[in-house]
Protein backbone atom coordinates (compact mmCIF):
# COMPACT_ATOMS: atom_id res chain seq x y z
CA MET A 1 12.56 35.12 106.74
CA ALA A 2 10.08 36.90 104.49
CA VAL A 3 6.45 35.81 104.08
CA PHE A 4 4.15 36.90 101.25
CA GLU A 5 0.53 35.87 100.70
CA PHE A 6 -1.76 36.00 97.66
CA VAL A 7 -5.45 35.12 97.33
CA LEU A 8 -6.89 34.08 93.98
CA ARG A 9 -10.06 32.81 92.36
CA VAL A 10 -9.72 29.24 91.09
CA GLU A 11 -10.01 29.93 87.38
CA PRO A 12 -7.58 29.93 84.44
CA GLY A 13 -7.28 33.72 84.18
CA GLU A 14 -5.81 33.92 87.67
CA VAL A 15 -2.76 31.78 86.94
CA ARG A 16 -0.90 34.56 85.11
CA ARG A 17 -1.72 37.13 87.80
CA THR A 18 -0.49 34.75 90.50
CA SER A 19 2.66 34.02 88.53
CA LEU A 20 3.46 37.74 88.27
CA TRP A 21 2.90 38.14 92.03
CA LEU A 22 5.23 35.21 92.75
CA GLU A 23 7.98 36.59 90.53
CA ARG A 24 7.78 40.08 92.03
CA SER A 25 7.65 38.79 95.64
CA ALA A 26 10.43 36.23 95.24
CA LEU A 27 12.80 38.68 93.57
CA GLU A 28 12.04 41.24 96.27
CA ALA A 29 13.00 38.62 98.88
CA GLY A 30 16.30 37.93 97.11
CA VAL A 31 15.50 34.62 95.46
CA PRO A 32 17.83 34.12 92.45
CA ARG A 33 16.08 34.48 89.08
CA ASP A 34 16.77 30.85 88.04
CA GLU A 35 15.12 29.64 91.24
CA VAL A 36 12.17 31.97 90.69
CA LEU A 37 11.66 30.23 87.34
CA ARG A 38 11.64 26.85 89.07
CA LEU A 39 9.13 28.12 91.64
CA ASP A 40 6.94 29.55 88.91
CA THR A 41 6.97 26.33 86.89
CA CYS A 42 5.89 24.36 89.97
CA LEU A 43 3.21 26.90 90.89
CA ASN A 44 1.75 26.88 87.39
CA GLU A 45 1.53 23.09 87.42
CA VAL A 46 -0.12 23.00 90.84
CA LEU A 47 -2.67 25.68 89.91
CA ALA A 48 -3.43 23.98 86.59
CA ASN A 49 -4.15 20.75 88.47
CA VAL A 50 -6.39 22.49 91.01
CA ILE A 51 -8.34 24.18 88.21
CA ALA A 52 -8.63 21.03 86.08
CA HIS A 53 -9.16 18.38 88.76
CA GLY A 54 -10.30 20.15 91.94
CA GLY A 55 -13.98 19.98 91.06
CA ASP A 56 -16.74 22.43 91.92
CA CYS A 57 -15.58 22.55 95.53
CA ALA A 58 -12.25 24.03 94.38
CA ARG A 59 -14.11 26.90 92.73
CA SER A 60 -16.39 27.40 95.74
CA ALA A 61 -13.83 29.46 97.65
CA PRO A 62 -10.65 31.39 96.86
CA ALA A 63 -7.30 29.63 96.97
CA ARG A 64 -4.34 31.03 98.86
CA VAL A 65 -0.66 30.98 97.95
CA VAL A 66 1.98 31.64 100.59
CA LEU A 67 5.64 32.27 99.74
CA GLU A 68 8.17 31.92 102.55
CA THR A 69 11.81 32.67 101.90
CA GLY A 70 14.90 32.15 103.99
CA PRO A 71 18.61 31.78 103.42
CA CYS A 72 19.05 29.68 100.26
CA GLU A 73 15.50 28.33 100.34
CA ALA A 74 12.00 29.30 99.27
CA ALA A 75 8.77 27.44 99.96
CA VAL A 76 5.41 27.96 98.30
CA THR A 77 2.23 26.58 99.89
CA VAL A 78 -0.96 26.37 97.85
CA VAL A 79 -4.14 26.03 99.91
CA ASP A 80 -7.31 25.12 98.02
CA HIS A 81 -10.77 23.72 98.74
CA GLY A 82 -10.68 21.15 95.95
CA LEU A 83 -11.16 17.41 96.09
CA ALA A 84 -8.60 15.69 98.31
CA PHE A 85 -5.53 14.65 96.36
CA ASP A 86 -2.08 13.84 97.75
CA PRO A 87 0.49 14.29 94.98
CA VAL A 88 3.28 13.27 97.34
CA SER A 89 2.04 9.69 97.76
CA TYR A 90 0.55 9.37 94.27
CA VAL A 91 2.33 6.74 92.19
CA PRO A 92 2.32 7.68 88.49
CA ALA A 93 1.78 5.08 85.80
CA PRO A 94 4.96 3.60 84.34
CA ARG A 95 6.41 5.49 81.40
CA PRO A 96 5.26 4.09 78.05
CA ALA A 97 7.75 2.01 76.11
CA THR A 98 6.62 3.36 72.75
CA LEU A 99 4.97 6.47 71.37
CA GLU A 100 1.88 4.41 70.51
CA GLU A 101 1.45 3.52 74.19
CA ALA A 102 1.73 7.14 75.32
CA GLN A 103 -1.35 8.92 76.65
CA PRO A 104 -1.66 12.71 76.80
CA GLY A 105 -1.15 14.31 80.19
CA GLY A 106 0.14 12.81 83.39
CA LEU A 107 3.60 14.39 83.26
CA GLY A 108 2.84 17.37 85.46
CA LEU A 109 3.50 15.57 88.73
CA VAL A 110 6.67 14.06 87.30
CA MET A 111 7.85 17.56 86.40
CA LEU A 112 6.83 18.95 89.80
CA ARG A 113 8.86 16.27 91.57
CA GLU A 114 11.84 16.95 89.31
CA TYR A 115 11.82 20.74 89.76
CA ALA A 116 11.08 20.88 93.48
CA ASP A 117 13.67 19.95 96.10
CA GLY A 118 10.92 18.95 98.52
CA LEU A 119 7.17 18.30 98.53
CA GLU A 120 4.78 18.11 101.49
CA TYR A 121 1.01 17.56 101.50
CA GLU A 122 -1.61 17.83 104.20
CA ARG A 123 -5.40 17.67 104.13
CA ARG A 124 -6.70 19.92 106.91
CA GLU A 125 -10.08 21.49 107.62
CA GLY A 126 -11.43 20.61 104.17
CA THR A 127 -8.45 22.05 102.32
CA ASN A 128 -5.48 20.68 100.41
CA ARG A 129 -2.17 22.18 101.52
CA LEU A 130 0.66 21.44 99.14
CA THR A 131 4.09 22.89 99.82
CA PHE A 132 6.99 22.73 97.40
CA ARG A 133 10.51 23.85 98.29
CA ILE A 134 13.40 25.08 96.19
CA ARG A 135 16.95 25.29 97.55
CA TRP A 136 20.10 26.84 96.12
CA SER A 137 23.71 27.32 97.10
CA ALA A 138 24.93 30.54 98.61
CA VAL A 139 27.04 32.62 96.26
CA ALA A 140 30.49 33.35 97.69
């Protein structure tokens, strides 16, 4: 198992830098490129939500991203000081029946749940800890 850690300021300019770190670290650990793209999509969504909805407390301290890889699996944990929010138990609004009923936003968590093979959330010591997992089949 390989473990990589990255610390970032909670601001929009850090998302790209964190994304580049994730790509480099995951490829180094042997994660297939297609799965790296899935991880990156999830990470970008999580960081965008922390930045947009975490409040001043999210910006009060750096966030931390931990990548753990093993055989045919990678997990990314994002630890932030933002407002408590459990995306695992959050129930999204029903999908609109027509375009007129549609409201902007709100699809990020739907996408996160679709791309990730597993989600876990914990609120501990004033921090949000969200872990998303990606799994793939071994190549023969």
